[in-house]
Amino acid sequence: MDILYLLIPLSVVLVFFILGALWWAINRGQFDDVDREAERILEGD
């Protein structure tokens, strides 16, 4: 039972880290034009 006092805060920190990374990627424009990049990979340029 004592391990839950460690695991619950660590999982909350991990969730905040993942949300922060997603927010950073969205604000940096990583998901702006995914269709163009997919076509570029298939064309082989």
N, C-alpha and C. Protein backbone atom coordinates (compact mmCIF):
# COMPACT_ATOMS: atom_id res chain seq x y z
N MET A 1 0.82 -1.20 0.00
CA MET A 1 0.00 0.00 0.00
C MET A 1 0.86 1.27 0.00
N ASP A 2 2.02 1.20 0.66
CA ASP A 2 2.89 2.37 0.73
C ASP A 2 3.44 2.77 -0.63
N ILE A 3 3.56 1.80 -1.54
CA ILE A 3 4.10 2.11 -2.86
C ILE A 3 3.18 3.05 -3.63
N LEU A 4 1.89 3.04 -3.31
CA LEU A 4 0.95 3.94 -3.99
C LEU A 4 1.27 5.40 -3.71
N TYR A 5 1.84 5.68 -2.53
CA TYR A 5 2.22 7.06 -2.21
C TYR A 5 3.35 7.54 -3.11
N LEU A 6 4.08 6.64 -3.70
CA LEU A 6 5.12 6.99 -4.65
C LEU A 6 4.62 6.94 -6.09
N LEU A 7 3.86 5.91 -6.41
CA LEU A 7 3.46 5.71 -7.81
C LEU A 7 2.43 6.73 -8.29
N ILE A 8 1.50 7.12 -7.44
CA ILE A 8 0.47 8.07 -7.87
C ILE A 8 1.08 9.44 -8.20
N PRO A 9 1.91 10.03 -7.34
CA PRO A 9 2.53 11.31 -7.74
C PRO A 9 3.43 11.19 -8.97
N LEU A 10 4.14 10.07 -9.10
CA LEU A 10 4.98 9.89 -10.28
C LEU A 10 4.15 9.80 -11.55
N SER A 11 3.01 9.15 -11.48
CA SER A 11 2.16 9.06 -12.67
C SER A 11 1.56 10.41 -13.01
N VAL A 12 1.24 11.21 -12.01
CA VAL A 12 0.72 12.55 -12.27
C VAL A 12 1.79 13.42 -12.93
N VAL A 13 3.02 13.31 -12.46
CA VAL A 13 4.13 14.05 -13.06
C VAL A 13 4.34 13.60 -14.50
N LEU A 14 4.25 12.31 -14.76
CA LEU A 14 4.41 11.78 -16.11
C LEU A 14 3.32 12.30 -17.04
N VAL A 15 2.09 12.36 -16.56
CA VAL A 15 0.99 12.90 -17.37
C VAL A 15 1.25 14.36 -17.70
N PHE A 16 1.69 15.15 -16.72
CA PHE A 16 1.99 16.56 -16.99
C PHE A 16 3.14 16.70 -17.98
N PHE A 17 4.13 15.83 -17.90
CA PHE A 17 5.24 15.87 -18.83
C PHE A 17 4.77 15.55 -20.25
N ILE A 18 3.93 14.56 -20.40
CA ILE A 18 3.40 14.19 -21.71
C ILE A 18 2.54 15.31 -22.28
N LEU A 19 1.67 15.88 -21.45
CA LEU A 19 0.84 17.00 -21.91
C LEU A 19 1.69 18.21 -22.29
N GLY A 20 2.74 18.47 -21.54
CA GLY A 20 3.64 19.57 -21.87
C GLY A 20 4.36 19.34 -23.18
N ALA A 21 4.79 18.11 -23.43
CA ALA A 21 5.46 17.79 -24.70
C ALA A 21 4.49 17.92 -25.87
N LEU A 22 3.26 17.49 -25.68
CA LEU A 22 2.25 17.64 -26.74
C LEU A 22 1.95 19.10 -27.01
N TRP A 23 1.81 19.90 -25.96
CA TRP A 23 1.56 21.33 -26.10
C TRP A 23 2.72 22.00 -26.83
N TRP A 24 3.96 21.62 -26.48
CA TRP A 24 5.13 22.19 -27.12
C TRP A 24 5.15 21.85 -28.61
N ALA A 25 4.84 20.60 -28.94
CA ALA A 25 4.86 20.17 -30.34
C ALA A 25 3.78 20.88 -31.15
N ILE A 26 2.62 21.07 -30.57
CA ILE A 26 1.54 21.78 -31.29
C ILE A 26 1.92 23.23 -31.51
N ASN A 27 2.48 23.88 -30.52
CA ASN A 27 2.85 25.29 -30.66
C ASN A 27 4.04 25.50 -31.59
N ARG A 28 4.89 24.51 -31.74
CA ARG A 28 6.03 24.63 -32.64
C ARG A 28 5.67 24.30 -34.09
N GLY A 29 4.41 23.91 -34.32
CA GLY A 29 3.96 23.67 -35.68
C GLY A 29 4.22 22.27 -36.19
N GLN A 30 4.39 21.32 -35.31
CA GLN A 30 4.70 19.96 -35.73
C GLN A 30 3.54 19.30 -36.47
N PHE A 31 2.32 19.74 -36.21
CA PHE A 31 1.15 19.10 -36.79
C PHE A 31 0.42 20.02 -37.77
N ASP A 32 1.11 21.01 -38.32
CA ASP A 32 0.46 21.97 -39.20
C ASP A 32 0.06 21.35 -40.54
N ASP A 33 0.98 20.65 -41.17
CA ASP A 33 0.70 20.13 -42.51
C ASP A 33 1.23 18.71 -42.63
N VAL A 34 0.52 17.78 -42.03
CA VAL A 34 0.99 16.40 -42.04
C VAL A 34 0.76 15.73 -43.39
N ASP A 35 -0.23 16.18 -44.16
CA ASP A 35 -0.49 15.56 -45.46
C ASP A 35 0.65 15.80 -46.44
N ARG A 36 1.19 17.00 -46.44
CA ARG A 36 2.31 17.31 -47.34
C ARG A 36 3.53 16.45 -47.02
N GLU A 37 3.81 16.26 -45.74
CA GLU A 37 4.96 15.44 -45.36
C GLU A 37 4.74 13.98 -45.72
N ALA A 38 3.52 13.49 -45.58
CA ALA A 38 3.23 12.10 -45.95
C ALA A 38 3.42 11.90 -47.45
N GLU A 39 2.99 12.86 -48.25
CA GLU A 39 3.17 12.76 -49.70
C GLU A 39 4.64 12.85 -50.08
N ARG A 40 5.41 13.69 -49.36
CA ARG A 40 6.83 13.84 -49.66
C ARG A 40 7.57 12.54 -49.39
N ILE A 41 7.22 11.84 -48.33
CA ILE A 41 7.86 10.57 -48.02
C ILE A 41 7.56 9.54 -49.09
N LEU A 42 6.31 9.51 -49.55
CA LEU A 42 5.92 8.51 -50.57
C LEU A 42 6.54 8.81 -51.93
N GLU A 43 6.75 10.08 -52.24
CA GLU A 43 7.36 10.42 -53.53
C GLU A 43 8.85 10.10 -53.56
N GLY A 44 9.51 10.08 -52.42
CA GLY A 44 10.92 9.73 -52.37
C GLY A 44 11.86 10.88 -52.62
N ASP A 45 11.38 12.12 -52.51
CA ASP A 45 12.26 13.29 -52.71
C ASP A 45 13.16 13.53 -51.53
